[in-house]
């Protein structure tokens, strides 16, 4: 299952009301580290799709949600479970570290 594009308008429905945990990637086109981790996140979306949704929100096009959750730098990864932030990571990490973090958080 590929990652899901989320907007300020769809965040409530797609993330907060989701029936399973959602990993949200806060990113921007101009962010090198964001582009660096994007392939790993797509692979994880396919590998973990049964138990986790991977969502991406472009902070330039959707400034409201990042402001609400205090995103100061990108990439920022947040895992939401039952409408609440369950875990947060900042910066580019290798796929193995992202997967370990996900599995310890959901």
C-alpha atoms as a PDB file:
ATOM      1  CA  UNK A   1       0.000   0.000   0.000  1.00  0.00           C
ATOM      2  CA  UNK A   2       1.665   3.286  -1.059  1.00  0.00           C
ATOM      3  CA  UNK A   3       1.867   6.276   1.246  1.00  0.00           C
ATOM      4  CA  UNK A   4      -1.161   8.525   1.442  1.00  0.00           C
ATOM      5  CA  UNK A   5      -1.091  12.257   0.727  1.00  0.00           C
ATOM      6  CA  UNK A   6      -2.740  14.202   3.557  1.00  0.00           C
ATOM      7  CA  UNK A   7      -3.789  17.867   3.634  1.00  0.00           C
ATOM      8  CA  UNK A   8      -4.895  20.307   6.328  1.00  0.00           C
ATOM      9  CA  UNK A   9      -8.465  19.561   5.216  1.00  0.00           C
ATOM     10  CA  UNK A  10      -8.172  15.748   5.267  1.00  0.00           C
ATOM     11  CA  UNK A  11      -5.980  15.383   8.392  1.00  0.00           C
ATOM     12  CA  UNK A  12      -8.889  14.895  10.824  1.00  0.00           C
ATOM     13  CA  UNK A  13     -10.442  12.102   8.748  1.00  0.00           C
ATOM     14  CA  UNK A  14      -7.256  10.456   7.404  1.00  0.00           C
ATOM     15  CA  UNK A  15      -5.112  10.570  10.556  1.00  0.00           C
ATOM     16  CA  UNK A  16      -7.007  11.400  13.745  1.00  0.00           C
ATOM     17  CA  UNK A  17     -10.038   9.215  12.923  1.00  0.00           C
ATOM     18  CA  UNK A  18      -8.058   6.340  11.391  1.00  0.00           C
ATOM     19  CA  UNK A  19      -8.808   2.860  12.692  1.00  0.00           C
ATOM     20  CA  UNK A  20      -5.103   1.966  12.766  1.00  0.00           C
ATOM     21  CA  UNK A  21      -1.895   3.828  13.670  1.00  0.00           C
ATOM     22  CA  UNK A  22      -0.718   6.444  11.175  1.00  0.00           C
ATOM     23  CA  UNK A  23       2.888   7.502  10.606  1.00  0.00           C
ATOM     24  CA  UNK A  24       2.831  11.113   9.381  1.00  0.00           C
ATOM     25  CA  UNK A  25       5.857  12.409   7.468  1.00  0.00           C
ATOM     26  CA  UNK A  26       6.050  16.213   7.626  1.00  0.00           C
ATOM     27  CA  UNK A  27       8.137  17.180   4.576  1.00  0.00           C
ATOM     28  CA  UNK A  28       8.775  19.769   1.836  1.00  0.00           C
ATOM     29  CA  UNK A  29       9.992  19.631  -1.781  1.00  0.00           C
ATOM     30  CA  UNK A  30      13.161  21.619  -1.002  1.00  0.00           C
ATOM     31  CA  UNK A  31      14.219  19.390   1.917  1.00  0.00           C
ATOM     32  CA  UNK A  32      17.138  17.098   1.020  1.00  0.00           C
ATOM     33  CA  UNK A  33      16.821  14.799   4.063  1.00  0.00           C
ATOM     34  CA  UNK A  34      13.078  14.471   3.332  1.00  0.00           C
ATOM     35  CA  UNK A  35      13.852  13.223  -0.184  1.00  0.00           C
ATOM     36  CA  UNK A  36      16.522  10.941   1.300  1.00  0.00           C
ATOM     37  CA  UNK A  37      14.081   9.041   3.566  1.00  0.00           C
ATOM     38  CA  UNK A  38      11.142   9.037   1.135  1.00  0.00           C
ATOM     39  CA  UNK A  39      12.041   5.699  -0.571  1.00  0.00           C
ATOM     40  CA  UNK A  40      12.403   3.991   2.834  1.00  0.00           C
ATOM     41  CA  UNK A  41       9.001   5.321   3.922  1.00  0.00           C
ATOM     42  CA  UNK A  42       7.417   4.014   0.702  1.00  0.00           C
ATOM     43  CA  UNK A  43       8.962   0.575   1.318  1.00  0.00           C
ATOM     44  CA  UNK A  44       7.696   0.605   4.911  1.00  0.00           C
ATOM     45  CA  UNK A  45       4.232   1.655   3.718  1.00  0.00           C
ATOM     46  CA  UNK A  46       4.160  -1.478   1.561  1.00  0.00           C
ATOM     47  CA  UNK A  47       5.688  -3.773   4.211  1.00  0.00           C
ATOM     48  CA  UNK A  48       3.602  -2.570   7.161  1.00  0.00           C
ATOM     49  CA  UNK A  49       0.419  -1.555   5.352  1.00  0.00           C
ATOM     50  CA  UNK A  50      -1.715  -4.086   7.213  1.00  0.00           C
ATOM     51  CA  UNK A  51      -0.956  -2.559  10.623  1.00  0.00           C
ATOM     52  CA  UNK A  52       0.098   1.034   9.835  1.00  0.00           C
ATOM     53  CA  UNK A  53      -0.770   3.788   7.372  1.00  0.00           C
ATOM     54  CA  UNK A  54       2.080   5.994   6.137  1.00  0.00           C
ATOM     55  CA  UNK A  55       0.884   9.519   5.361  1.00  0.00           C
ATOM     56  CA  UNK A  56       2.793  12.496   3.972  1.00  0.00           C
ATOM     57  CA  UNK A  57       1.925  16.146   4.516  1.00  0.00           C
ATOM     58  CA  UNK A  58       3.716  18.904   2.617  1.00  0.00           C
ATOM     59  CA  UNK A  59       4.313  21.674   5.175  1.00  0.00           C
ATOM     60  CA  UNK A  60       4.507  24.418   2.527  1.00  0.00           C
ATOM     61  CA  UNK A  61       1.106  23.551   1.043  1.00  0.00           C
ATOM     62  CA  UNK A  62      -0.481  22.699   4.425  1.00  0.00           C
ATOM     63  CA  UNK A  63       0.844  24.997   7.203  1.00  0.00           C
ATOM     64  CA  UNK A  64      -2.019  24.551   9.699  1.00  0.00           C
ATOM     65  CA  UNK A  65      -1.369  20.966  10.879  1.00  0.00           C
ATOM     66  CA  UNK A  66       2.430  21.384  11.321  1.00  0.00           C
ATOM     67  CA  UNK A  67       1.794  24.551  13.361  1.00  0.00           C
ATOM     68  CA  UNK A  68      -0.774  22.752  15.523  1.00  0.00           C
ATOM     69  CA  UNK A  69       1.716  19.978  16.346  1.00  0.00           C
ATOM     70  CA  UNK A  70       4.752  22.226  16.830  1.00  0.00           C
ATOM     71  CA  UNK A  71       6.789  20.974  13.893  1.00  0.00           C
ATOM     72  CA  UNK A  72       9.988  23.063  13.968  1.00  0.00           C
ATOM     73  CA  UNK A  73      12.226  21.124  11.567  1.00  0.00           C
ATOM     74  CA  UNK A  74      11.817  18.563   8.820  1.00  0.00           C
ATOM     75  CA  UNK A  75      11.686  15.757   8.242  1.00  0.00           C
ATOM     76  CA  UNK A  76       9.578  15.173  11.338  1.00  0.00           C
ATOM     77  CA  UNK A  77       7.879  11.798  11.730  1.00  0.00           C
ATOM     78  CA  UNK A  78       4.937  11.402  14.121  1.00  0.00           C
ATOM     79  CA  UNK A  79       2.978   8.275  14.904  1.00  0.00           C
ATOM     80  CA  UNK A  80      -0.662   8.935  15.722  1.00  0.00           C
ATOM     81  CA  UNK A  81      -2.693   6.295  17.547  1.00  0.00           C
ATOM     82  CA  UNK A  82      -6.336   6.815  18.566  1.00  0.00           C
ATOM     83  CA  UNK A  83      -6.159  10.476  17.531  1.00  0.00           C
ATOM     84  CA  UNK A  84      -3.118  11.247  19.723  1.00  0.00           C
ATOM     85  CA  UNK A  85       0.615  11.608  19.058  1.00  0.00           C
ATOM     86  CA  UNK A  86       2.198   8.369  20.297  1.00  0.00           C
ATOM     87  CA  UNK A  87       5.803   9.049  19.198  1.00  0.00           C
ATOM     88  CA  UNK A  88       7.917  11.650  17.375  1.00  0.00           C
ATOM     89  CA  UNK A  89      11.271  11.505  15.562  1.00  0.00           C
ATOM     90  CA  UNK A  90      13.129  14.300  13.792  1.00  0.00           C
ATOM     91  CA  UNK A  91      15.731  14.024  11.067  1.00  0.00           C
ATOM     92  CA  UNK A  92      16.707  11.478   8.455  1.00  0.00           C
ATOM     93  CA  UNK A  93      17.196   7.934   9.708  1.00  0.00           C
ATOM     94  CA  UNK A  94      18.048   4.697   7.903  1.00  0.00           C
ATOM     95  CA  UNK A  95      15.118   2.431   7.073  1.00  0.00           C
ATOM     96  CA  UNK A  96      16.098  -0.115   9.745  1.00  0.00           C
ATOM     97  CA  UNK A  97      16.013   2.566  12.473  1.00  0.00           C
ATOM     98  CA  UNK A  98      12.669   3.938  11.270  1.00  0.00           C
ATOM     99  CA  UNK A  99      11.205   0.415  11.255  1.00  0.00           C
ATOM    100  CA  UNK A 100      12.520  -0.313  14.783  1.00  0.00           C
ATOM    101  CA  UNK A 101      11.031   2.979  16.011  1.00  0.00           C
ATOM    102  CA  UNK A 102       7.665   2.208  14.371  1.00  0.00           C
ATOM    103  CA  UNK A 103       7.486  -1.287  15.822  1.00  0.00           C
ATOM    104  CA  UNK A 104       8.346  -0.083  19.322  1.00  0.00           C
ATOM    105  CA  UNK A 105       5.698   2.665  19.082  1.00  0.00           C
ATOM    106  CA  UNK A 106       2.624   0.875  17.733  1.00  0.00           C
END
